[in-house]
C-alpha atoms as a PDB file:
ATOM      1  CA  TYR A   1      27.875  15.929 -79.822  1.00  0.00           C
ATOM      2  CA  GLN A   2      30.022  16.241 -76.755  1.00  0.00           C
ATOM      3  CA  ALA A   3      27.701  18.862 -75.259  1.00  0.00           C
ATOM      4  CA  LYS A   4      24.632  16.694 -75.778  1.00  0.00           C
ATOM      5  CA  LEU A   5      26.518  13.881 -74.061  1.00  0.00           C
ATOM      6  CA  GLU A   6      27.398  15.749 -71.065  1.00  0.00           C
ATOM      7  CA  ARG A   7      23.647  16.790 -70.679  1.00  0.00           C
ATOM      8  CA  LYS A   8      22.675  13.152 -71.032  1.00  0.00           C
ATOM      9  CA  GLN A   9      25.084  12.175 -68.410  1.00  0.00           C
ATOM     10  CA  ALA A  10      23.700  14.653 -65.963  1.00  0.00           C
ATOM     11  CA  PHE A  11      20.257  13.472 -66.769  1.00  0.00           C
ATOM     12  CA  LEU A  12      21.389   9.905 -66.363  1.00  0.00           C
ATOM     13  CA  PHE A  13      22.943  10.615 -63.008  1.00  0.00           C
ATOM     14  CA  ARG A  14      19.830  12.172 -61.709  1.00  0.00           C
ATOM     15  CA  THR A  15      17.571   9.106 -62.861  1.00  0.00           C
ATOM     16  CA  VAL A  16      20.111   6.848 -61.207  1.00  0.00           C
ATOM     17  CA  ASP A  17      19.750   8.873 -57.946  1.00  0.00           C
ATOM     18  CA  ILE A  18      15.970   8.467 -58.185  1.00  0.00           C
ATOM     19  CA  ALA A  19      16.163   4.710 -58.812  1.00  0.00           C
ATOM     20  CA  MET A  20      18.585   4.182 -55.976  1.00  0.00           C
ATOM     21  CA  GLU A  21      16.519   6.286 -53.563  1.00  0.00           C
ATOM     22  CA  LEU A  22      13.442   4.233 -54.430  1.00  0.00           C
ATOM     23  CA  ALA A  23      15.174   0.936 -54.004  1.00  0.00           C
ATOM     24  CA  VAL A  24      16.341   1.975 -50.635  1.00  0.00           C
ATOM     25  CA  LEU A  25      12.882   3.023 -49.696  1.00  0.00           C
ATOM     26  CA  VAL A  26      11.420  -0.238 -50.893  1.00  0.00           C
ATOM     27  CA  ALA A  27      14.005  -2.187 -48.717  1.00  0.00           C
ATOM     28  CA  THR A  28      13.374   0.076 -45.719  1.00  0.00           C
ATOM     29  CA  VAL A  29       9.561  -0.218 -45.939  1.00  0.00           C
ATOM     30  CA  SER A  30       9.957  -4.125 -46.349  1.00  0.00           C
ATOM     31  CA  ARG A  31      12.232  -4.320 -43.240  1.00  0.00           C
ATOM     32  CA  ALA A  32      10.174  -2.127 -41.237  1.00  0.00           C
ATOM     33  CA  ASP A  33       7.043  -4.228 -42.146  1.00  0.00           C
ATOM     34  CA  LYS A  34       8.914  -7.550 -41.175  1.00  0.00           C
ATOM     35  CA  LEU A  35       9.944  -5.960 -37.793  1.00  0.00           C
ATOM     36  CA  ARG A  36       6.516  -4.653 -37.163  1.00  0.00           C
ATOM     37  CA  LYS A  37       4.925  -8.173 -37.582  1.00  0.00           C
ATOM     38  CA  SER A  38       7.446  -9.304 -35.124  1.00  0.00           C
ATOM     39  CA  GLY A  39       6.298  -6.757 -32.652  1.00  0.00           C
ATOM     40  CA  ASP A  40       8.660  -3.955 -33.151  1.00  0.00           C
ATOM     41  CA  GLN A  41       6.632  -0.714 -33.846  1.00  0.00           C
ATOM     42  CA  SER A  42       9.572   1.624 -33.642  1.00  0.00           C
ATOM     43  CA  ALA A  43      10.799   0.492 -36.971  1.00  0.00           C
ATOM     44  CA  VAL A  44       7.577   1.767 -38.624  1.00  0.00           C
ATOM     45  CA  VAL A  45       8.160   5.312 -37.245  1.00  0.00           C
ATOM     46  CA  LEU A  46      11.734   5.238 -38.475  1.00  0.00           C
ATOM     47  CA  ALA A  47      10.596   4.068 -42.016  1.00  0.00           C
ATOM     48  CA  ASP A  48       7.822   6.756 -42.070  1.00  0.00           C
ATOM     49  CA  VAL A  49      10.518   9.473 -41.534  1.00  0.00           C
ATOM     50  CA  HIS A  50      12.743   7.956 -44.121  1.00  0.00           C
ATOM     51  CA  ALA A  51       9.939   7.687 -46.593  1.00  0.00           C
ATOM     52  CA  ARG A  52       8.991  11.312 -46.088  1.00  0.00           C
ATOM     53  CA  ASN A  53      12.689  12.422 -46.615  1.00  0.00           C
ATOM     54  CA  ALA A  54      13.005   9.930 -49.639  1.00  0.00           C
ATOM     55  CA  ARG A  55       9.839  11.535 -51.203  1.00  0.00           C
ATOM     56  CA  ARG A  56      11.195  15.040 -50.982  1.00  0.00           C
ATOM     57  CA  LEU A  57      14.647  13.989 -52.439  1.00  0.00           C
ATOM     58  CA  VAL A  58      12.970  12.052 -55.314  1.00  0.00           C
ATOM     59  CA  GLU A  59      10.541  14.973 -56.103  1.00  0.00           C
ATOM     60  CA  GLN A  60      13.757  17.419 -56.001  1.00  0.00           C
ATOM     61  CA  ARG A  61      15.519  15.028 -58.398  1.00  0.00           C
ATOM     62  CA  PHE A  62      12.632  14.775 -60.886  1.00  0.00           C
ATOM     63  CA  HIS A  63      12.404  18.585 -60.768  1.00  0.00           C
ATOM     64  CA  GLU A  64      16.080  18.941 -61.512  1.00  0.00           C
ATOM     65  CA  LEU A  65      15.769  16.654 -64.572  1.00  0.00           C
ATOM     66  CA  TRP A  66      14.212  19.697 -66.245  1.00  0.00           C
ATOM     67  CA  ALA A  67      15.130  22.609 -64.225  1.00  0.00           C
ATOM     68  CA  ASN A  68      19.014  22.766 -63.722  1.00  0.00           C
ATOM     69  CA  ASP A  69      22.038  24.661 -64.351  1.00  0.00           C
ATOM     70  CA  ASP A  70      23.653  22.079 -66.571  1.00  0.00           C
ATOM     71  CA  ASP A  71      24.186  24.474 -69.629  1.00  0.00           C
ATOM     72  CA  ALA A  72      25.650  27.145 -67.381  1.00  0.00           C
ATOM     73  CA  ARG A  73      28.041  24.803 -65.580  1.00  0.00           C
ATOM     74  CA  THR A  74      29.121  23.384 -69.009  1.00  0.00           C
ATOM     75  CA  ALA A  75      29.924  26.842 -70.294  1.00  0.00           C
ATOM     76  CA  LEU A  76      31.796  27.774 -67.069  1.00  0.00           C
ATOM     77  CA  GLY A  77      33.817  24.651 -67.318  1.00  0.00           C
ATOM     78  CA  ARG A  78      34.716  25.221 -70.928  1.00  0.00           C
ATOM     79  CA  ALA A  79      35.609  28.815 -70.028  1.00  0.00           C
ATOM     80  CA  VAL A  80      37.918  27.738 -67.153  1.00  0.00           C
ATOM     81  CA  LEU A  81      39.635  25.178 -69.486  1.00  0.00           C
ATOM     82  CA  ALA A  82      40.119  27.897 -72.080  1.00  0.00           C
ATOM     83  CA  GLY A  83      42.035  29.857 -69.624  1.00  0.00           C
ATOM     84  CA  GLU A  84      39.355  32.341 -68.512  1.00  0.00           C
ATOM     85  CA  HIS A  85      38.571  33.166 -64.804  1.00  0.00           C
ATOM     86  CA  LEU A  86      42.317  32.969 -63.989  1.00  0.00           C
ATOM     87  CA  GLY A  87      41.746  35.944 -61.532  1.00  0.00           C
ATOM     88  CA  LEU A  88      39.986  33.357 -59.248  1.00  0.00           C
ATOM     89  CA  GLU A  89      43.064  31.378 -58.801  1.00  0.00           C
ATOM     90  CA  ASP A  90      45.055  34.514 -58.166  1.00  0.00           C
ATOM     91  CA  ALA A  91      42.601  35.327 -55.559  1.00  0.00           C
ATOM     92  CA  GLY A  92      42.989  31.912 -53.753  1.00  0.00           C
ATOM     93  CA  ILE A  93      39.704  30.488 -54.947  1.00  0.00           C
ATOM     94  CA  VAL A  94      40.527  27.043 -56.040  1.00  0.00           C
ATOM     95  CA  ALA A  95      38.702  23.678 -55.653  1.00  0.00           C
ATOM     96  CA  PRO A  96      39.284  22.043 -52.387  1.00  0.00           C
ATOM     97  CA  ALA A  97      40.865  18.959 -53.930  1.00  0.00           C
ATOM     98  CA  VAL A  98      43.281  21.205 -55.869  1.00  0.00           C
ATOM     99  CA  ALA A  99      44.273  23.525 -53.004  1.00  0.00           C
ATOM    100  CA  PRO A 100      46.873  21.392 -51.381  1.00  0.00           C
ATOM    101  CA  ALA A 101      48.625  20.515 -54.587  1.00  0.00           C
ATOM    102  CA  ALA A 102      48.548  24.279 -55.583  1.00  0.00           C
ATOM    103  CA  GLU A 103      50.105  25.212 -52.196  1.00  0.00           C
ATOM    104  CA  ALA A 104      52.782  22.541 -52.641  1.00  0.00           C
ATOM    105  CA  VAL A 105      53.747  24.014 -56.146  1.00  0.00           C
ATOM    106  CA  ALA A 106      53.693  27.573 -54.820  1.00  0.00           C
ATOM    107  CA  ALA A 107      55.986  26.565 -51.997  1.00  0.00           C
ATOM    108  CA  LYS A 108      58.756  25.396 -54.408  1.00  0.00           C
END
């Protein structure tokens, strides 16, 4: 059950990313249209560039809904929690957020 929930969370996060990107795109185009009507043509150019980038990101996120490394990441996370891959810690390969705390503990 928990593994299915983890996959659903990743799926949900990707769909939220898509929805947020589309919302920002709509706001950007709406604002650019308002500025264009008042004589500012540069806003249209900026909105166009943003729209092109947004389209690529949305297409990528849709692709990632079905083609991703979620299962491999879940398996790796479980293995790390089970005490496997300790050699990476010995080699100094740790998460950046963990590194300062690990250094402080090692200094004691």
